[in-house]
Amino acid sequence: MDLKRTPKILTALLLSVLILTTACSSAKEPSRFDQAQKDSSTAKSGQAVSKNATQGSEFNKFFPQGGSGYSRVFTQEKKGFAEAKLKKDGKDVAMLSISDTKSTPSAAAKFTKSTKDIGGYPSIEVGNTQTAVLVKERYQVKVLSRTPSFKASDRATWIQKFNLDGLAKLK
């Protein structure tokens, strides 16, 4: 009997047993990421957008057209929201948007203390760059300045260029 080869055979046998037992063990403990994925996929509340929110594509027809050196470029459209850039000489001067506050009632609540109106709708100014109106107590129309030269009076003018009365008839 050749005893010189016994350690090599024994080592090969132990490695085979180790590989076999590792491969067959199926008890895998879930990671924290697996649990987070499970929690988020089964959550029933806390949806970001209300299922009753208006489709963003329905808002597009109420945006103002370009003209007088300005061009309008739609940039985003999703359920409850639509947005466009207002450009002049190729530069972004403002962002125009319409959002359905059905998903964000706190956005509509900001207008309850409004003392101003634009086009007959309650308006608010946020900081030095945003002006918004609330139409039909539901749709927020907002203009955000992207350059210092686009003043509050410009924002108010562009809000009036939206078809606010048409938006008020949207169901």
C-alpha atoms as a PDB file:
ATOM      1  CA  MET A   1       0.000   0.000   0.000  1.00  0.00           C
ATOM      2  CA  ASP A   2       1.351   3.374  -0.994  1.00  0.00           C
ATOM      3  CA  LEU A   3       0.937   5.769   1.954  1.00  0.00           C
ATOM      4  CA  LYS A   4       2.556   8.707   0.157  1.00  0.00           C
ATOM      5  CA  ARG A   5      -0.633   9.476  -1.755  1.00  0.00           C
ATOM      6  CA  THR A   6      -2.991   9.276   1.214  1.00  0.00           C
ATOM      7  CA  PRO A   7      -2.782  12.995   2.182  1.00  0.00           C
ATOM      8  CA  LYS A   8      -3.534  14.038  -1.416  1.00  0.00           C
ATOM      9  CA  ILE A   9      -6.494  11.697  -1.643  1.00  0.00           C
ATOM     10  CA  LEU A  10      -7.766  12.802   1.746  1.00  0.00           C
ATOM     11  CA  THR A  11      -7.451  16.486   0.772  1.00  0.00           C
ATOM     12  CA  ALA A  12      -9.328  15.928  -2.485  1.00  0.00           C
ATOM     13  CA  LEU A  13     -12.048  14.025  -0.649  1.00  0.00           C
ATOM     14  CA  LEU A  14     -12.473  16.791   1.971  1.00  0.00           C
ATOM     15  CA  LEU A  15     -12.631  19.506  -0.727  1.00  0.00           C
ATOM     16  CA  SER A  16     -15.283  17.536  -2.563  1.00  0.00           C
ATOM     17  CA  VAL A  17     -17.381  17.176   0.582  1.00  0.00           C
ATOM     18  CA  LEU A  18     -16.989  20.895   1.359  1.00  0.00           C
ATOM     19  CA  ILE A  19     -18.067  21.944  -2.144  1.00  0.00           C
ATOM     20  CA  LEU A  20     -21.000  19.557  -2.081  1.00  0.00           C
ATOM     21  CA  THR A  21     -22.303  20.777   1.286  1.00  0.00           C
ATOM     22  CA  THR A  22     -21.896  24.451   0.301  1.00  0.00           C
ATOM     23  CA  ALA A  23     -23.734  24.001  -2.970  1.00  0.00           C
ATOM     24  CA  CYS A  24     -26.592  22.120  -1.395  1.00  0.00           C
ATOM     25  CA  SER A  25     -27.297  24.535   1.421  1.00  0.00           C
ATOM     26  CA  SER A  26     -30.312  26.573   0.299  1.00  0.00           C
ATOM     27  CA  ALA A  27     -31.024  28.362   3.540  1.00  0.00           C
ATOM     28  CA  LYS A  28     -30.092  31.889   2.486  1.00  0.00           C
ATOM     29  CA  GLU A  29     -30.743  34.603   4.981  1.00  0.00           C
ATOM     30  CA  PRO A  30     -32.401  37.675   3.370  1.00  0.00           C
ATOM     31  CA  SER A  31     -30.295  40.790   3.248  1.00  0.00           C
ATOM     32  CA  ARG A  32     -31.561  44.169   4.435  1.00  0.00           C
ATOM     33  CA  PHE A  33     -32.037  45.138   0.784  1.00  0.00           C
ATOM     34  CA  ASP A  34     -34.271  42.129   0.176  1.00  0.00           C
ATOM     35  CA  GLN A  35     -36.458  43.154   3.109  1.00  0.00           C
ATOM     36  CA  ALA A  36     -36.623  46.782   1.933  1.00  0.00           C
ATOM     37  CA  GLN A  37     -37.629  45.642  -1.566  1.00  0.00           C
ATOM     38  CA  LYS A  38     -40.334  43.432  -0.108  1.00  0.00           C
ATOM     39  CA  ASP A  39     -41.650  46.240   2.088  1.00  0.00           C
ATOM     40  CA  SER A  40     -41.799  48.774  -0.744  1.00  0.00           C
ATOM     41  CA  SER A  41     -43.451  46.427  -3.212  1.00  0.00           C
ATOM     42  CA  THR A  42     -46.182  45.419  -0.781  1.00  0.00           C
ATOM     43  CA  ALA A  43     -46.903  48.894   0.591  1.00  0.00           C
ATOM     44  CA  LYS A  44     -50.461  49.939  -0.137  1.00  0.00           C
ATOM     45  CA  SER A  45     -50.389  53.506   1.089  1.00  0.00           C
ATOM     46  CA  GLY A  46     -48.135  56.435   0.446  1.00  0.00           C
ATOM     47  CA  GLN A  47     -48.491  56.480  -3.346  1.00  0.00           C
ATOM     48  CA  ALA A  48     -46.664  59.430  -4.850  1.00  0.00           C
ATOM     49  CA  VAL A  49     -49.389  60.186  -7.399  1.00  0.00           C
ATOM     50  CA  SER A  50     -53.087  59.782  -6.803  1.00  0.00           C
ATOM     51  CA  LYS A  51     -54.727  57.357  -9.186  1.00  0.00           C
ATOM     52  CA  ASN A  52     -57.397  60.006  -9.755  1.00  0.00           C
ATOM     53  CA  ALA A  53     -54.863  62.606 -10.906  1.00  0.00           C
ATOM     54  CA  THR A  54     -55.235  63.997 -14.417  1.00  0.00           C
ATOM     55  CA  GLN A  55     -52.842  62.687 -17.058  1.00  0.00           C
ATOM     56  CA  GLY A  56     -50.074  65.167 -17.837  1.00  0.00           C
ATOM     57  CA  SER A  57     -50.786  64.925 -21.568  1.00  0.00           C
ATOM     58  CA  GLU A  58     -54.156  66.583 -20.993  1.00  0.00           C
ATOM     59  CA  PHE A  59     -52.395  69.709 -19.684  1.00  0.00           C
ATOM     60  CA  ASN A  60     -50.330  70.381 -22.808  1.00  0.00           C
ATOM     61  CA  LYS A  61     -53.086  72.200 -24.695  1.00  0.00           C
ATOM     62  CA  PHE A  62     -53.389  74.776 -21.909  1.00  0.00           C
ATOM     63  CA  PHE A  63     -49.748  75.917 -22.093  1.00  0.00           C
ATOM     64  CA  PRO A  64     -49.016  79.238 -23.809  1.00  0.00           C
ATOM     65  CA  GLN A  65     -47.482  79.247 -27.255  1.00  0.00           C
ATOM     66  CA  GLY A  66     -44.097  80.800 -27.863  1.00  0.00           C
ATOM     67  CA  GLY A  67     -43.706  83.968 -29.896  1.00  0.00           C
ATOM     68  CA  SER A  68     -42.047  87.391 -29.695  1.00  0.00           C
ATOM     69  CA  GLY A  69     -38.639  85.735 -29.505  1.00  0.00           C
ATOM     70  CA  TYR A  70     -39.730  83.082 -27.005  1.00  0.00           C
ATOM     71  CA  SER A  71     -40.031  79.377 -27.691  1.00  0.00           C
ATOM     72  CA  ARG A  72     -41.723  76.742 -25.586  1.00  0.00           C
ATOM     73  CA  VAL A  73     -40.181  73.280 -25.307  1.00  0.00           C
ATOM     74  CA  PHE A  74     -42.027  70.536 -23.436  1.00  0.00           C
ATOM     75  CA  THR A  75     -39.671  68.685 -21.125  1.00  0.00           C
ATOM     76  CA  GLN A  76     -41.722  66.416 -18.910  1.00  0.00           C
ATOM     77  CA  GLU A  77     -45.117  64.821 -18.857  1.00  0.00           C
ATOM     78  CA  LYS A  78     -46.390  62.308 -16.361  1.00  0.00           C
ATOM     79  CA  LYS A  79     -49.559  61.583 -14.483  1.00  0.00           C
ATOM     80  CA  GLY A  80     -50.567  64.739 -12.623  1.00  0.00           C
ATOM     81  CA  PHE A  81     -47.839  66.937 -14.089  1.00  0.00           C
ATOM     82  CA  ALA A  82     -46.586  68.597 -17.261  1.00  0.00           C
ATOM     83  CA  GLU A  83     -43.645  70.969 -17.678  1.00  0.00           C
ATOM     84  CA  ALA A  84     -42.071  73.068 -20.413  1.00  0.00           C
ATOM     85  CA  LYS A  85     -39.042  75.302 -20.732  1.00  0.00           C
ATOM     86  CA  LEU A  86     -39.445  78.846 -21.935  1.00  0.00           C
ATOM     87  CA  LYS A  87     -36.451  79.851 -24.030  1.00  0.00           C
ATOM     88  CA  LYS A  88     -35.310  83.145 -25.456  1.00  0.00           C
ATOM     89  CA  ASP A  89     -32.307  83.383 -27.744  1.00  0.00           C
ATOM     90  CA  GLY A  90     -31.606  79.724 -27.023  1.00  0.00           C
ATOM     91  CA  LYS A  91     -31.330  80.230 -23.265  1.00  0.00           C
ATOM     92  CA  ASP A  92     -33.728  78.966 -20.609  1.00  0.00           C
ATOM     93  CA  VAL A  93     -35.478  81.935 -19.028  1.00  0.00           C
ATOM     94  CA  ALA A  94     -38.309  80.157 -17.193  1.00  0.00           C
ATOM     95  CA  MET A  95     -39.979  76.854 -16.447  1.00  0.00           C
ATOM     96  CA  LEU A  96     -43.732  76.545 -16.970  1.00  0.00           C
ATOM     97  CA  SER A  97     -45.727  73.823 -15.295  1.00  0.00           C
ATOM     98  CA  ILE A  98     -49.183  72.560 -14.484  1.00  0.00           C
ATOM     99  CA  SER A  99     -49.696  70.066 -11.692  1.00  0.00           C
ATOM    100  CA  ASP A 100     -52.737  68.332 -10.284  1.00  0.00           C
ATOM    101  CA  THR A 101     -52.831  68.925  -6.530  1.00  0.00           C
ATOM    102  CA  LYS A 102     -55.017  65.854  -6.090  1.00  0.00           C
ATOM    103  CA  SER A 103     -51.788  64.069  -5.159  1.00  0.00           C
ATOM    104  CA  THR A 104     -50.403  66.944  -3.092  1.00  0.00           C
ATOM    105  CA  PRO A 105     -53.198  68.643  -1.131  1.00  0.00           C
ATOM    106  CA  SER A 106     -50.623  70.692   0.770  1.00  0.00           C
ATOM    107  CA  ALA A 107     -49.790  72.461  -2.495  1.00  0.00           C
ATOM    108  CA  ALA A 108     -53.409  73.621  -2.806  1.00  0.00           C
ATOM    109  CA  ALA A 109     -53.567  74.612   0.858  1.00  0.00           C
ATOM    110  CA  LYS A 110     -50.887  77.275   0.262  1.00  0.00           C
ATOM    111  CA  PHE A 111     -53.432  79.317  -1.673  1.00  0.00           C
ATOM    112  CA  THR A 112     -56.007  79.599   1.120  1.00  0.00           C
ATOM    113  CA  LYS A 113     -54.241  82.672   2.512  1.00  0.00           C
ATOM    114  CA  SER A 114     -53.679  84.272  -0.874  1.00  0.00           C
ATOM    115  CA  THR A 115     -54.496  87.958  -1.090  1.00  0.00           C
ATOM    116  CA  LYS A 116     -53.609  88.403  -4.771  1.00  0.00           C
ATOM    117  CA  ASP A 117     -54.988  86.968  -7.951  1.00  0.00           C
ATOM    118  CA  ILE A 118     -53.874  86.608 -11.521  1.00  0.00           C
ATOM    119  CA  GLY A 119     -56.541  86.191 -14.167  1.00  0.00           C
ATOM    120  CA  GLY A 120     -59.155  85.793 -11.433  1.00  0.00           C
ATOM    121  CA  TYR A 121     -57.358  82.906  -9.710  1.00  0.00           C
ATOM    122  CA  PRO A 122     -55.614  83.051  -6.308  1.00  0.00           C
ATOM    123  CA  SER A 123     -51.891  83.535  -6.661  1.00  0.00           C
ATOM    124  CA  ILE A 124     -48.825  83.245  -4.501  1.00  0.00           C
ATOM    125  CA  GLU A 125     -45.172  84.054  -4.875  1.00  0.00           C
ATOM    126  CA  VAL A 126     -42.527  81.774  -3.428  1.00  0.00           C
ATOM    127  CA  GLY A 127     -39.230  83.494  -2.903  1.00  0.00           C
ATOM    128  CA  ASN A 128     -37.994  85.681  -5.729  1.00  0.00           C
ATOM    129  CA  THR A 129     -38.302  83.141  -8.508  1.00  0.00           C
ATOM    130  CA  GLN A 130     -41.732  81.478  -8.400  1.00  0.00           C
ATOM    131  CA  THR A 131     -45.264  82.616  -9.074  1.00  0.00           C
ATOM    132  CA  ALA A 132     -48.231  80.262  -9.083  1.00  0.00           C
ATOM    133  CA  VAL A 133     -52.018  80.302  -9.343  1.00  0.00           C
ATOM    134  CA  LEU A 134     -54.546  77.701  -8.305  1.00  0.00           C
ATOM    135  CA  VAL A 135     -57.239  76.966 -10.863  1.00  0.00           C
ATOM    136  CA  LYS A 136     -60.506  75.306  -9.883  1.00  0.00           C
ATOM    137  CA  GLU A 137     -59.029  74.665  -6.426  1.00  0.00           C
ATOM    138  CA  ARG A 138     -57.105  71.812  -7.998  1.00  0.00           C
ATOM    139  CA  TYR A 139     -54.628  72.700 -10.746  1.00  0.00           C
ATOM    140  CA  GLN A 140     -51.493  74.626  -9.871  1.00  0.00           C
ATOM    141  CA  VAL A 141     -50.029  76.674 -12.721  1.00  0.00           C
ATOM    142  CA  LYS A 142     -46.497  77.764 -11.952  1.00  0.00           C
ATOM    143  CA  VAL A 143     -43.795  79.849 -13.606  1.00  0.00           C
ATOM    144  CA  LEU A 144     -40.226  79.713 -12.274  1.00  0.00           C
ATOM    145  CA  SER A 145     -37.616  82.237 -13.324  1.00  0.00           C
ATOM    146  CA  ARG A 146     -34.334  80.778 -14.527  1.00  0.00           C
ATOM    147  CA  THR A 147     -32.604  84.107 -15.010  1.00  0.00           C
ATOM    148  CA  PRO A 148     -32.662  87.237 -12.803  1.00  0.00           C
ATOM    149  CA  SER A 149     -33.929  89.259 -15.753  1.00  0.00           C
ATOM    150  CA  PHE A 150     -37.201  87.270 -15.783  1.00  0.00           C
ATOM    151  CA  LYS A 151     -39.043  89.223 -13.076  1.00  0.00           C
ATOM    152  CA  ALA A 152     -42.270  88.634 -11.142  1.00  0.00           C
ATOM    153  CA  SER A 153     -44.156  90.797 -13.641  1.00  0.00           C
ATOM    154  CA  ASP A 154     -42.897  88.529 -16.467  1.00  0.00           C
ATOM    155  CA  ARG A 155     -44.048  85.475 -14.547  1.00  0.00           C
ATOM    156  CA  ALA A 156     -47.502  87.002 -14.024  1.00  0.00           C
ATOM    157  CA  THR A 157     -47.711  87.862 -17.726  1.00  0.00           C
ATOM    158  CA  TRP A 158     -46.835  84.295 -18.728  1.00  0.00           C
ATOM    159  CA  ILE A 159     -49.297  82.803 -16.250  1.00  0.00           C
ATOM    160  CA  GLN A 160     -52.019  84.849 -17.927  1.00  0.00           C
ATOM    161  CA  LYS A 161     -50.961  83.389 -21.279  1.00  0.00           C
ATOM    162  CA  PHE A 162     -51.994  79.925 -20.071  1.00  0.00           C
ATOM    163  CA  ASN A 163     -55.545  78.989 -20.985  1.00  0.00           C
ATOM    164  CA  LEU A 164     -56.630  79.178 -17.346  1.00  0.00           C
ATOM    165  CA  ASP A 165     -60.353  79.232 -18.078  1.00  0.00           C
ATOM    166  CA  GLY A 166     -59.972  76.171 -20.298  1.00  0.00           C
ATOM    167  CA  LEU A 167     -58.046  74.424 -17.540  1.00  0.00           C
ATOM    168  CA  ALA A 168     -60.854  75.274 -15.110  1.00  0.00           C
ATOM    169  CA  LYS A 169     -63.251  73.298 -17.313  1.00  0.00           C
ATOM    170  CA  LEU A 170     -61.043  70.209 -17.291  1.00  0.00           C
ATOM    171  CA  LYS A 171     -62.694  67.298 -15.524  1.00  0.00           C
END
